[in-house]
PDB file of all heavy atoms in Angstrom:
ATOM      1  N   SER A   1     106.453 116.765  67.692  1.00  0.00           N
ATOM      2  CA  SER A   1     105.157 117.384  67.814  1.00  0.00           C
ATOM      3  C   SER A   1     104.466 117.155  69.143  1.00  0.00           C
ATOM      4  O   SER A   1     103.574 117.927  69.524  1.00  0.00           O
ATOM      5  CB  SER A   1     104.219 116.910  66.696  1.00  0.00           C
ATOM      6  OG  SER A   1     104.040 115.511  66.784  1.00  0.00           O
ATOM      7  N   ILE A   2     104.903 116.163  69.921  1.00  0.00           N
ATOM      8  CA  ILE A   2     104.260 115.881  71.208  1.00  0.00           C
ATOM      9  C   ILE A   2     105.127 116.373  72.389  1.00  0.00           C
ATOM     10  O   ILE A   2     104.747 116.157  73.540  1.00  0.00           O
ATOM     11  CB  ILE A   2     103.916 114.411  71.373  1.00  0.00           C
ATOM     12  CG1 ILE A   2     105.174 113.545  71.435  1.00  0.00           C
ATOM     13  CG2 ILE A   2     102.968 113.959  70.270  1.00  0.00           C
ATOM     14  CD1 ILE A   2     104.889 112.086  71.779  1.00  0.00           C
ATOM     15  N   TYR A   3     106.226 116.993  72.095  1.00  0.00           N
ATOM     16  CA  TYR A   3     107.117 117.489  73.152  1.00  0.00           C
ATOM     17  C   TYR A   3     106.901 118.970  73.406  1.00  0.00           C
ATOM     18  O   TYR A   3     106.597 119.744  72.521  1.00  0.00           O
ATOM     19  CB  TYR A   3     108.585 117.250  72.775  1.00  0.00           C
ATOM     20  CG  TYR A   3     109.115 115.887  73.121  1.00  0.00           C
ATOM     21  CD1 TYR A   3     108.646 114.756  72.473  1.00  0.00           C
ATOM     22  CD2 TYR A   3     110.099 115.777  74.093  1.00  0.00           C
ATOM     23  CE1 TYR A   3     109.138 113.507  72.828  1.00  0.00           C
ATOM     24  CE2 TYR A   3     110.613 114.538  74.430  1.00  0.00           C
ATOM     25  CZ  TYR A   3     110.126 113.394  73.800  1.00  0.00           C
ATOM     26  OH  TYR A   3     110.629 112.155  74.116  1.00  0.00           O
ATOM     27  N   THR A   4     107.093 119.329  74.667  1.00  0.00           N
ATOM     28  CA  THR A   4     107.247 120.727  75.023  1.00  0.00           C
ATOM     29  C   THR A   4     108.671 121.167  74.657  1.00  0.00           C
ATOM     30  O   THR A   4     109.634 120.463  74.954  1.00  0.00           O
ATOM     31  CB  THR A   4     107.002 120.960  76.506  1.00  0.00           C
ATOM     32  OG1 THR A   4     105.616 120.806  76.790  1.00  0.00           O
ATOM     33  CG2 THR A   4     107.437 122.349  76.927  1.00  0.00           C
ATOM     34  N   MET A   5     108.747 122.277  73.996  1.00  0.00           N
ATOM     35  CA  MET A   5     110.052 122.854  73.644  1.00  0.00           C
ATOM     36  C   MET A   5     110.302 124.085  74.458  1.00  0.00           C
ATOM     37  O   MET A   5     109.354 124.860  74.748  1.00  0.00           O
ATOM     38  CB  MET A   5     110.131 123.168  72.139  1.00  0.00           C
ATOM     39  CG  MET A   5     109.909 121.969  71.239  1.00  0.00           C
ATOM     40  SD  MET A   5     111.143 120.655  71.483  1.00  0.00           S
ATOM     41  CE  MET A   5     112.666 121.527  71.095  1.00  0.00           C
ATOM     42  N   ALA A   6     111.531 124.310  74.860  1.00  0.00           N
ATOM     43  CA  ALA A   6     111.840 125.394  75.720  1.00  0.00           C
ATOM     44  C   ALA A   6     113.182 126.011  75.334  1.00  0.00           C
ATOM     45  O   ALA A   6     114.057 125.338  74.776  1.00  0.00           O
ATOM     46  CB  ALA A   6     111.866 124.963  77.186  1.00  0.00           C
ATOM     47  N   TRP A   7     113.317 127.283  75.680  1.00  0.00           N
ATOM     48  CA  TRP A   7     114.587 127.979  75.593  1.00  0.00           C
ATOM     49  C   TRP A   7     115.033 128.369  76.996  1.00  0.00           C
ATOM     50  O   TRP A   7     114.247 128.936  77.755  1.00  0.00           O
ATOM     51  CB  TRP A   7     114.481 129.241  74.739  1.00  0.00           C
ATOM     52  CG  TRP A   7     114.359 128.961  73.269  1.00  0.00           C
ATOM     53  CD1 TRP A   7     113.221 128.911  72.551  1.00  0.00           C
ATOM     54  CD2 TRP A   7     115.432 128.663  72.355  1.00  0.00           C
ATOM     55  NE1 TRP A   7     113.491 128.637  71.223  1.00  0.00           N
ATOM     56  CE2 TRP A   7     114.842 128.488  71.102  1.00  0.00           C
ATOM     57  CE3 TRP A   7     116.822 128.565  72.483  1.00  0.00           C
ATOM     58  CZ2 TRP A   7     115.599 128.185  69.954  1.00  0.00           C
ATOM     59  CZ3 TRP A   7     117.572 128.279  71.372  1.00  0.00           C
ATOM     60  CH2 TRP A   7     116.977 128.095  70.113  1.00  0.00           C
ATOM     61  N   TYR A   8     116.265 128.044  77.319  1.00  0.00           N
ATOM     62  CA  TYR A   8     116.930 128.473  78.523  1.00  0.00           C
ATOM     63  C   TYR A   8     118.104 129.351  78.160  1.00  0.00           C
ATOM     64  O   TYR A   8     118.572 129.340  77.020  1.00  0.00           O
ATOM     65  CB  TYR A   8     117.404 127.272  79.320  1.00  0.00           C
ATOM     66  CG  TYR A   8     116.338 126.511  80.061  1.00  0.00           C
ATOM     67  CD1 TYR A   8     115.540 125.582  79.394  1.00  0.00           C
ATOM     68  CD2 TYR A   8     116.123 126.701  81.418  1.00  0.00           C
ATOM     69  CE1 TYR A   8     114.562 124.868  80.076  1.00  0.00           C
ATOM     70  CE2 TYR A   8     115.144 126.006  82.097  1.00  0.00           C
ATOM     71  CZ  TYR A   8     114.381 125.083  81.421  1.00  0.00           C
ATOM     72  OH  TYR A   8     113.406 124.395  82.102  1.00  0.00           O
ATOM     73  N   ARG A   9     118.574 130.100  79.131  1.00  0.00           N
ATOM     74  CA  ARG A   9     119.805 130.832  78.937  1.00  0.00           C
ATOM     75  C   ARG A   9     120.633 130.839  80.207  1.00  0.00           C
ATOM     76  O   ARG A   9     120.135 130.722  81.301  1.00  0.00           O
ATOM     77  CB  ARG A   9     119.506 132.279  78.486  1.00  0.00           C
ATOM     78  CG  ARG A   9     118.831 133.136  79.546  1.00  0.00           C
ATOM     79  CD  ARG A   9     118.475 134.496  78.950  1.00  0.00           C
ATOM     80  NE  ARG A   9     117.843 135.352  79.907  1.00  0.00           N
ATOM     81  CZ  ARG A   9     117.322 136.538  79.625  1.00  0.00           C
ATOM     82  NH1 ARG A   9     117.371 137.002  78.386  1.00  0.00           N
ATOM     83  NH2 ARG A   9     116.761 137.287  80.585  1.00  0.00           N
ATOM     84  N   GLN A  10     121.924 130.960  80.002  1.00  0.00           N
ATOM     85  CA  GLN A  10     122.839 131.032  81.125  1.00  0.00           C
ATOM     86  C   GLN A  10     123.778 132.202  80.918  1.00  0.00           C
ATOM     87  O   GLN A  10     124.698 132.156  80.101  1.00  0.00           O
ATOM     88  CB  GLN A  10     123.664 129.734  81.252  1.00  0.00           C
ATOM     89  CG  GLN A  10     124.516 129.693  82.493  1.00  0.00           C
ATOM     90  CD  GLN A  10     125.102 128.312  82.775  1.00  0.00           C
ATOM     91  OE1 GLN A  10     125.076 127.444  81.886  1.00  0.00           O
ATOM     92  NE2 GLN A  10     125.560 128.101  83.972  1.00  0.00           N
ATOM     93  N   PRO A  11     123.503 133.293  81.644  1.00  0.00           N
ATOM     94  CA  PRO A  11     124.366 134.450  81.567  1.00  0.00           C
ATOM     95  C   PRO A  11     125.743 134.121  82.156  1.00  0.00           C
ATOM     96  O   PRO A  11     125.856 133.210  82.984  1.00  0.00           O
ATOM     97  CB  PRO A  11     123.662 135.510  82.399  1.00  0.00           C
ATOM     98  CG  PRO A  11     122.237 135.023  82.541  1.00  0.00           C
ATOM     99  CD  PRO A  11     122.367 133.533  82.532  1.00  0.00           C
ATOM    100  N   PRO A  12     126.754 134.879  81.775  1.00  0.00           N
ATOM    101  CA  PRO A  12     128.085 134.597  82.347  1.00  0.00           C
ATOM    102  C   PRO A  12     128.073 134.742  83.856  1.00  0.00           C
ATOM    103  O   PRO A  12     127.577 135.738  84.408  1.00  0.00           O
ATOM    104  CB  PRO A  12     128.966 135.647  81.677  1.00  0.00           C
ATOM    105  CG  PRO A  12     128.031 136.691  81.171  1.00  0.00           C
ATOM    106  CD  PRO A  12     126.781 135.975  80.809  1.00  0.00           C
ATOM    107  N   GLY A  13     128.559 133.748  84.561  1.00  0.00           N
ATOM    108  CA  GLY A  13     128.653 133.775  85.990  1.00  0.00           C
ATOM    109  C   GLY A  13     127.326 133.526  86.717  1.00  0.00           C
ATOM    110  O   GLY A  13     127.274 133.659  87.956  1.00  0.00           O
ATOM    111  N   ASN A  14     126.286 133.145  86.016  1.00  0.00           N
ATOM    112  CA  ASN A  14     124.982 132.926  86.626  1.00  0.00           C
ATOM    113  C   ASN A  14     124.433 131.534  86.286  1.00  0.00           C
ATOM    114  O   ASN A  14     124.972 130.842  85.435  1.00  0.00           O
ATOM    115  CB  ASN A  14     123.996 134.011  86.176  1.00  0.00           C
ATOM    116  CG  ASN A  14     124.301 135.369  86.737  1.00  0.00           C
ATOM    117  OD1 ASN A  14     124.927 136.205  86.061  1.00  0.00           O
ATOM    118  ND2 ASN A  14     123.932 135.603  87.986  1.00  0.00           N
ATOM    119  N   GLN A  15     123.335 131.214  86.970  1.00  0.00           N
ATOM    120  CA  GLN A  15     122.671 129.942  86.746  1.00  0.00           C
ATOM    121  C   GLN A  15     121.860 129.950  85.486  1.00  0.00           C
ATOM    122  O   GLN A  15     121.407 131.014  85.014  1.00  0.00           O
ATOM    123  CB  GLN A  15     121.796 129.584  87.946  1.00  0.00           C
ATOM    124  CG  GLN A  15     122.565 129.432  89.264  1.00  0.00           C
ATOM    125  CD  GLN A  15     123.499 128.264  89.236  1.00  0.00           C
ATOM    126  OE1 GLN A  15     123.118 127.142  88.904  1.00  0.00           O
ATOM    127  NE2 GLN A  15     124.756 128.527  89.555  1.00  0.00           N
ATOM    128  N   ARG A  16     121.605 128.788  84.969  1.00  0.00           N
ATOM    129  CA  ARG A  16     120.744 128.641  83.804  1.00  0.00           C
ATOM    130  C   ARG A  16     119.293 128.932  84.219  1.00  0.00           C
ATOM    131  O   ARG A  16     118.830 128.502  85.285  1.00  0.00           O
ATOM    132  CB  ARG A  16     120.840 127.238  83.219  1.00  0.00           C
ATOM    133  CG  ARG A  16     120.121 127.046  81.910  1.00  0.00           C
ATOM    134  CD  ARG A  16     120.461 125.703  81.317  1.00  0.00           C
ATOM    135  NE  ARG A  16     120.012 124.602  82.148  1.00  0.00           N
ATOM    136  CZ  ARG A  16     120.399 123.354  81.999  1.00  0.00           C
ATOM    137  NH1 ARG A  16     121.308 123.055  81.072  1.00  0.00           N
ATOM    138  NH2 ARG A  16     119.947 122.423  82.799  1.00  0.00           N
ATOM    139  N   GLU A  17     118.558 129.652  83.385  1.00  0.00           N
ATOM    140  CA  GLU A  17     117.198 130.029  83.691  1.00  0.00           C
ATOM    141  C   GLU A  17     116.305 129.843  82.478  1.00  0.00           C
ATOM    142  O   GLU A  17     116.765 129.979  81.333  1.00  0.00           O
ATOM    143  CB  GLU A  17     117.122 131.498  84.159  1.00  0.00           C
ATOM    144  CG  GLU A  17     117.570 132.479  83.095  1.00  0.00           C
ATOM    145  CD  GLU A  17     117.548 133.923  83.542  1.00  0.00           C
ATOM    146  OE1 GLU A  17     117.273 134.167  84.735  1.00  0.00           O
ATOM    147  OE2 GLU A  17     117.836 134.810  82.717  1.00  0.00           O
ATOM    148  N   LEU A  18     115.065 129.563  82.747  1.00  0.00           N
ATOM    149  CA  LEU A  18     114.088 129.433  81.690  1.00  0.00           C
ATOM    150  C   LEU A  18     113.810 130.777  81.050  1.00  0.00           C
ATOM    151  O   LEU A  18     113.582 131.767  81.725  1.00  0.00           O
ATOM    152  CB  LEU A  18     112.778 128.845  82.226  1.00  0.00           C
ATOM    153  CG  LEU A  18     111.660 128.671  81.221  1.00  0.00           C
ATOM    154  CD1 LEU A  18     111.995 127.575  80.203  1.00  0.00           C
ATOM    155  CD2 LEU A  18     110.329 128.370  81.922  1.00  0.00           C
ATOM    156  N   VAL A  19     113.768 130.811  79.730  1.00  0.00           N
ATOM    157  CA  VAL A  19     113.375 131.983  78.974  1.00  0.00           C
ATOM    158  C   VAL A  19     111.930 131.845  78.539  1.00  0.00           C
ATOM    159  O   VAL A  19     111.105 132.742  78.769  1.00  0.00           O
ATOM    160  CB  VAL A  19     114.288 132.195  77.764  1.00  0.00           C
ATOM    161  CG1 VAL A  19     113.824 133.426  76.957  1.00  0.00           C
ATOM    162  CG2 VAL A  19     115.743 132.394  78.207  1.00  0.00           C
ATOM    163  N   ALA A  20     111.635 130.751  77.883  1.00  0.00           N
ATOM    164  CA  ALA A  20     110.286 130.523  77.369  1.00  0.00           C
ATOM    165  C   ALA A  20     110.083 129.061  77.067  1.00  0.00           C
ATOM    166  O   ALA A  20     111.042 128.347  76.802  1.00  0.00           O
ATOM    167  CB  ALA A  20     110.026 131.365  76.117  1.00  0.00           C
ATOM    168  N   SER A  21     108.836 128.629  77.123  1.00  0.00           N
ATOM    169  CA  SER A  21     108.516 127.273  76.716  1.00  0.00           C
ATOM    170  C   SER A  21     107.200 127.272  75.968  1.00  0.00           C
ATOM    171  O   SER A  21     106.359 128.135  76.128  1.00  0.00           O
ATOM    172  CB  SER A  21     108.440 126.334  77.930  1.00  0.00           C
ATOM    173  OG  SER A  21     107.350 126.656  78.784  1.00  0.00           O
ATOM    174  N   LEU A  22     107.067 126.274  75.124  1.00  0.00           N
ATOM    175  CA  LEU A  22     105.869 126.095  74.309  1.00  0.00           C
ATOM    176  C   LEU A  22     105.534 124.637  74.212  1.00  0.00           C
ATOM    177  O   LEU A  22     106.254 123.861  73.622  1.00  0.00           O
ATOM    178  CB  LEU A  22     106.093 126.700  72.915  1.00  0.00           C
ATOM    179  CG  LEU A  22     105.012 126.504  71.853  1.00  0.00           C
ATOM    180  CD1 LEU A  22     103.679 127.033  72.358  1.00  0.00           C
ATOM    181  CD2 LEU A  22     105.411 127.197  70.573  1.00  0.00           C
ATOM    182  N   ALA A  23     104.432 124.260  74.849  1.00  0.00           N
ATOM    183  CA  ALA A  23     103.975 122.876  74.852  1.00  0.00           C
ATOM    184  C   ALA A  23     103.324 122.549  73.514  1.00  0.00           C
ATOM    185  O   ALA A  23     102.954 123.417  72.719  1.00  0.00           O
ATOM    186  CB  ALA A  23     103.041 122.605  75.991  1.00  0.00           C
ATOM    187  N   HIS A  24     103.123 121.230  73.307  1.00  0.00           N
ATOM    188  CA  HIS A  24     102.534 120.820  72.055  1.00  0.00           C
ATOM    189  C   HIS A  24     101.095 121.276  71.897  1.00  0.00           C
ATOM    190  O   HIS A  24     100.605 121.381  70.754  1.00  0.00           O
ATOM    191  CB  HIS A  24     102.609 119.273  71.938  1.00  0.00           C
ATOM    192  CG  HIS A  24     101.553 118.564  72.747  1.00  0.00           C
ATOM    193  ND1 HIS A  24     101.681 118.347  74.092  1.00  0.00           N
ATOM    194  CD2 HIS A  24     100.371 118.028  72.366  1.00  0.00           C
ATOM    195  CE1 HIS A  24     100.606 117.683  74.523  1.00  0.00           C
ATOM    196  NE2 HIS A  24      99.800 117.481  73.485  1.00  0.00           N
ATOM    197  N   ASP A  25     100.413 121.569  73.009  1.00  0.00           N
ATOM    198  CA  ASP A  25      99.043 122.037  72.955  1.00  0.00           C
ATOM    199  C   ASP A  25      98.931 123.559  72.876  1.00  0.00           C
ATOM    200  O   ASP A  25      97.839 124.106  72.911  1.00  0.00           O
ATOM    201  CB  ASP A  25      98.235 121.528  74.145  1.00  0.00           C
ATOM    202  CG  ASP A  25      98.717 122.067  75.485  1.00  0.00           C
ATOM    203  OD1 ASP A  25      99.743 122.783  75.505  1.00  0.00           O
ATOM    204  OD2 ASP A  25      98.069 121.780  76.485  1.00  0.00           O
ATOM    205  N   GLY A  26     100.039 124.239  72.766  1.00  0.00           N
ATOM    206  CA  GLY A  26     100.067 125.702  72.654  1.00  0.00           C
ATOM    207  C   GLY A  26     100.296 126.440  73.934  1.00  0.00           C
ATOM    208  O   GLY A  26     100.405 127.683  73.899  1.00  0.00           O
ATOM    209  N   THR A  27     100.367 125.775  75.058  1.00  0.00           N
ATOM    210  CA  THR A  27     100.630 126.450  76.347  1.00  0.00           C
ATOM    211  C   THR A  27     102.009 127.069  76.305  1.00  0.00           C
ATOM    212  O   THR A  27     102.990 126.390  76.028  1.00  0.00           O
ATOM    213  CB  THR A  27     100.500 125.449  77.501  1.00  0.00           C
ATOM    214  OG1 THR A  27      99.200 124.854  77.499  1.00  0.00           O
ATOM    215  CG2 THR A  27     100.747 126.142  78.824  1.00  0.00           C
ATOM    216  N   THR A  28     102.077 128.344  76.654  1.00  0.00           N
ATOM    217  CA  THR A  28     103.336 129.051  76.637  1.00  0.00           C
ATOM    218  C   THR A  28     103.672 129.625  78.019  1.00  0.00           C
ATOM    219  O   THR A  28     102.789 129.918  78.834  1.00  0.00           O
ATOM    220  CB  THR A  28     103.350 130.216  75.642  1.00  0.00           C
ATOM    221  OG1 THR A  28     102.344 131.175  76.010  1.00  0.00           O
ATOM    222  CG2 THR A  28     103.094 129.729  74.225  1.00  0.00           C
ATOM    223  N   VAL A  29     104.954 129.715  78.263  1.00  0.00           N
ATOM    224  CA  VAL A  29     105.480 130.372  79.451  1.00  0.00           C
ATOM    225  C   VAL A  29     106.637 131.266  79.001  1.00  0.00           C
ATOM    226  O   VAL A  29     107.487 130.820  78.246  1.00  0.00           O
ATOM    227  CB  VAL A  29     105.988 129.368  80.493  1.00  0.00           C
ATOM    228  CG1 VAL A  29     106.698 130.076  81.648  1.00  0.00           C
ATOM    229  CG2 VAL A  29     104.852 128.522  81.030  1.00  0.00           C
ATOM    230  N   HIS A  30     106.631 132.475  79.454  1.00  0.00           N
ATOM    231  CA  HIS A  30     107.753 133.418  79.245  1.00  0.00           C
ATOM    232  C   HIS A  30     108.153 134.006  80.582  1.00  0.00           C
ATOM    233  O   HIS A  30     107.297 134.419  81.345  1.00  0.00           O
ATOM    234  CB  HIS A  30     107.375 134.540  78.287  1.00  0.00           C
ATOM    235  CG  HIS A  30     107.091 134.130  76.872  1.00  0.00           C
ATOM    236  ND1 HIS A  30     105.864 133.579  76.506  1.00  0.00           N
ATOM    237  CD2 HIS A  30     107.869 134.140  75.758  1.00  0.00           C
ATOM    238  CE1 HIS A  30     105.918 133.302  75.227  1.00  0.00           C
ATOM    239  NE2 HIS A  30     107.111 133.632  74.754  1.00  0.00           N
ATOM    240  N   THR A  31     109.436 134.026  80.825  1.00  0.00           N
ATOM    241  CA  THR A  31     109.904 134.635  82.040  1.00  0.00           C
ATOM    242  C   THR A  31     109.628 136.114  82.001  1.00  0.00           C
ATOM    243  O   THR A  31     109.590 136.756  80.931  1.00  0.00           O
ATOM    244  CB  THR A  31     111.403 134.345  82.260  1.00  0.00           C
ATOM    245  OG1 THR A  31     111.751 134.687  83.604  1.00  0.00           O
ATOM    246  CG2 THR A  31     112.251 135.135  81.294  1.00  0.00           C
ATOM    247  N   ASP A  32     109.368 136.709  83.173  1.00  0.00           N
ATOM    248  CA  ASP A  32     108.947 138.099  83.263  1.00  0.00           C
ATOM    249  C   ASP A  32     109.885 139.067  82.543  1.00  0.00           C
ATOM    250  O   ASP A  32     109.440 140.046  81.955  1.00  0.00           O
ATOM    251  CB  ASP A  32     108.766 138.515  84.694  1.00  0.00           C
ATOM    252  CG  ASP A  32     107.572 137.914  85.365  1.00  0.00           C
ATOM    253  OD1 ASP A  32     106.687 137.387  84.644  1.00  0.00           O
ATOM    254  OD2 ASP A  32     107.488 137.954  86.609  1.00  0.00           O
ATOM    255  N   SER A  33     111.182 138.813  82.625  1.00  0.00           N
ATOM    256  CA  SER A  33     112.159 139.725  82.073  1.00  0.00           C
ATOM    257  C   SER A  33     112.118 139.818  80.548  1.00  0.00           C
ATOM    258  O   SER A  33     112.676 140.758  79.983  1.00  0.00           O
ATOM    259  CB  SER A  33     113.564 139.349  82.531  1.00  0.00           C
ATOM    260  OG  SER A  33     113.916 138.053  82.068  1.00  0.00           O
ATOM    261  N   VAL A  34     111.482 138.864  79.898  1.00  0.00           N
ATOM    262  CA  VAL A  34     111.440 138.884  78.420  1.00  0.00           C
ATOM    263  C   VAL A  34     110.041 139.061  77.860  1.00  0.00           C
ATOM    264  O   VAL A  34     109.877 139.197  76.641  1.00  0.00           O
ATOM    265  CB  VAL A  34     112.057 137.626  77.821  1.00  0.00           C
ATOM    266  CG1 VAL A  34     113.447 137.378  78.372  1.00  0.00           C
ATOM    267  CG2 VAL A  34     111.164 136.406  78.011  1.00  0.00           C
ATOM    268  N   LYS A  35     109.034 139.105  78.724  1.00  0.00           N
ATOM    269  CA  LYS A  35     107.662 139.276  78.246  1.00  0.00           C
ATOM    270  C   LYS A  35     107.506 140.591  77.476  1.00  0.00           C
ATOM    271  O   LYS A  35     107.954 141.629  77.906  1.00  0.00           O
ATOM    272  CB  LYS A  35     106.685 139.261  79.412  1.00  0.00           C
ATOM    273  CG  LYS A  35     106.485 137.890  80.018  1.00  0.00           C
ATOM    274  CD  LYS A  35     105.503 137.920  81.174  1.00  0.00           C
ATOM    275  CE  LYS A  35     105.302 136.532  81.766  1.00  0.00           C
ATOM    276  NZ  LYS A  35     104.410 136.569  82.967  1.00  0.00           N
ATOM    277  N   GLY A  36     106.906 140.455  76.302  1.00  0.00           N
ATOM    278  CA  GLY A  36     106.749 141.602  75.439  1.00  0.00           C
ATOM    279  C   GLY A  36     107.914 141.849  74.501  1.00  0.00           C
ATOM    280  O   GLY A  36     107.795 142.678  73.578  1.00  0.00           O
ATOM    281  N   ARG A  37     109.019 141.173  74.736  1.00  0.00           N
ATOM    282  CA  ARG A  37     110.177 141.340  73.876  1.00  0.00           C
ATOM    283  C   ARG A  37     110.527 140.067  73.098  1.00  0.00           C
ATOM    284  O   ARG A  37     110.958 140.142  71.951  1.00  0.00           O
ATOM    285  CB  ARG A  37     111.395 141.765  74.708  1.00  0.00           C
ATOM    286  CG  ARG A  37     111.214 143.102  75.416  1.00  0.00           C
ATOM    287  CD  ARG A  37     112.534 143.553  76.037  1.00  0.00           C
ATOM    288  NE  ARG A  37     113.032 142.614  77.029  1.00  0.00           N
ATOM    289  CZ  ARG A  37     114.216 141.984  76.960  1.00  0.00           C
ATOM    290  NH1 ARG A  37     115.018 142.214  75.926  1.00  0.00           N
ATOM    291  NH2 ARG A  37     114.599 141.164  77.922  1.00  0.00           N
ATOM    292  N   PHE A  38     110.382 138.930  73.757  1.00  0.00           N
ATOM    293  CA  PHE A  38     110.697 137.662  73.143  1.00  0.00           C
ATOM    294  C   PHE A  38     109.425 136.887  72.873  1.00  0.00           C
ATOM    295  O   PHE A  38     108.425 137.029  73.568  1.00  0.00           O
ATOM    296  CB  PHE A  38     111.566 136.809  74.080  1.00  0.00           C
ATOM    297  CG  PHE A  38     112.964 137.316  74.327  1.00  0.00           C
ATOM    298  CD1 PHE A  38     113.365 138.555  73.911  1.00  0.00           C
ATOM    299  CD2 PHE A  38     113.872 136.501  75.002  1.00  0.00           C
ATOM    300  CE1 PHE A  38     114.663 139.012  74.155  1.00  0.00           C
ATOM    301  CE2 PHE A  38     115.142 136.936  75.262  1.00  0.00           C
ATOM    302  CZ  PHE A  38     115.546 138.184  74.831  1.00  0.00           C
ATOM    303  N   ALA A  39     109.465 136.039  71.863  1.00  0.00           N
ATOM    304  CA  ALA A  39     108.324 135.174  71.579  1.00  0.00           C
ATOM    305  C   ALA A  39     108.831 133.811  71.084  1.00  0.00           C
ATOM    306  O   ALA A  39     109.656 133.744  70.166  1.00  0.00           O
ATOM    307  CB  ALA A  39     107.427 135.796  70.533  1.00  0.00           C
ATOM    308  N   ILE A  40     108.333 132.767  71.695  1.00  0.00           N
ATOM    309  CA  ILE A  40     108.671 131.422  71.296  1.00  0.00           C
ATOM    310  C   ILE A  40     107.603 130.942  70.300  1.00  0.00           C
ATOM    311  O   ILE A  40     106.401 131.272  70.407  1.00  0.00           O
ATOM    312  CB  ILE A  40     108.755 130.467  72.499  1.00  0.00           C
ATOM    313  CG1 ILE A  40     109.337 129.124  72.105  1.00  0.00           C
ATOM    314  CG2 ILE A  40     107.415 130.327  73.192  1.00  0.00           C
ATOM    315  CD1 ILE A  40     109.661 128.214  73.294  1.00  0.00           C
ATOM    316  N   SER A  41     108.037 130.177  69.315  1.00  0.00           N
ATOM    317  CA  SER A  41     107.142 129.603  68.348  1.00  0.00           C
ATOM    318  C   SER A  41     107.712 128.274  67.876  1.00  0.00           C
ATOM    319  O   SER A  41     108.902 127.991  68.097  1.00  0.00           O
ATOM    320  CB  SER A  41     106.844 130.532  67.181  1.00  0.00           C
ATOM    321  OG  SER A  41     108.051 130.812  66.465  1.00  0.00           O
ATOM    322  N   ARG A  42     106.913 127.491  67.196  1.00  0.00           N
ATOM    323  CA  ARG A  42     107.373 126.231  66.676  1.00  0.00           C
ATOM    324  C   ARG A  42     106.738 125.911  65.357  1.00  0.00           C
ATOM    325  O   ARG A  42     105.623 126.349  65.064  1.00  0.00           O
ATOM    326  CB  ARG A  42     107.107 125.113  67.689  1.00  0.00           C
ATOM    327  CG  ARG A  42     105.646 124.809  67.958  1.00  0.00           C
ATOM    328  CD  ARG A  42     105.460 123.920  69.188  1.00  0.00           C
ATOM    329  NE  ARG A  42     106.021 122.591  69.003  1.00  0.00           N
ATOM    330  CZ  ARG A  42     106.295 121.747  70.002  1.00  0.00           C
ATOM    331  NH1 ARG A  42     106.070 122.102  71.267  1.00  0.00           N
ATOM    332  NH2 ARG A  42     106.807 120.555  69.731  1.00  0.00           N
ATOM    333  N   ASP A  43     107.446 125.151  64.561  1.00  0.00           N
ATOM    334  CA  ASP A  43     106.972 124.655  63.295  1.00  0.00           C
ATOM    335  C   ASP A  43     107.169 123.157  63.319  1.00  0.00           C
ATOM    336  O   ASP A  43     108.256 122.644  63.106  1.00  0.00           O
ATOM    337  CB  ASP A  43     107.739 125.289  62.119  1.00  0.00           C
ATOM    338  CG  ASP A  43     107.160 124.916  60.785  1.00  0.00           C
ATOM    339  OD1 ASP A  43     106.481 123.885  60.664  1.00  0.00           O
ATOM    340  OD2 ASP A  43     107.418 125.647  59.813  1.00  0.00           O
ATOM    341  N   ASN A  44     106.088 122.447  63.602  1.00  0.00           N
ATOM    342  CA  ASN A  44     106.174 120.985  63.756  1.00  0.00           C
ATOM    343  C   ASN A  44     106.561 120.287  62.439  1.00  0.00           C
ATOM    344  O   ASN A  44     107.185 119.233  62.452  1.00  0.00           O
ATOM    345  CB  ASN A  44     104.868 120.424  64.288  1.00  0.00           C
ATOM    346  CG  ASN A  44     104.656 120.746  65.749  1.00  0.00           C
ATOM    347  OD1 ASN A  44     105.593 121.099  66.471  1.00  0.00           O
ATOM    348  ND2 ASN A  44     103.412 120.609  66.196  1.00  0.00           N
ATOM    349  N   ALA A  45     106.184 120.880  61.334  1.00  0.00           N
ATOM    350  CA  ALA A  45     106.533 120.303  60.030  1.00  0.00           C
ATOM    351  C   ALA A  45     108.031 120.324  59.789  1.00  0.00           C
ATOM    352  O   ALA A  45     108.565 119.503  59.043  1.00  0.00           O
ATOM    353  CB  ALA A  45     105.804 121.024  58.900  1.00  0.00           C
ATOM    354  N   LYS A  46     108.711 121.289  60.413  1.00  0.00           N
ATOM    355  CA  LYS A  46     110.167 121.399  60.284  1.00  0.00           C
ATOM    356  C   LYS A  46     110.926 120.942  61.493  1.00  0.00           C
ATOM    357  O   LYS A  46     112.158 121.023  61.520  1.00  0.00           O
ATOM    358  CB  LYS A  46     110.528 122.859  59.997  1.00  0.00           C
ATOM    359  CG  LYS A  46     109.957 123.394  58.668  1.00  0.00           C
ATOM    360  CD  LYS A  46     110.397 124.826  58.463  1.00  0.00           C
ATOM    361  CE  LYS A  46     109.864 125.378  57.138  1.00  0.00           C
ATOM    362  NZ  LYS A  46     110.276 126.745  56.899  1.00  0.00           N
TER     363      LYS A  46
END
């Protein structure tokens, strides 16, 4: 519950890149290429 959680991805032949992150306080970051298509969420109880 106190950690920022993030998703990264590594396409074939490319470097790993941030997709999205969600801090414990609700702060979110989404990379431009996925904005409007992807959404990060968390369930601290689970």
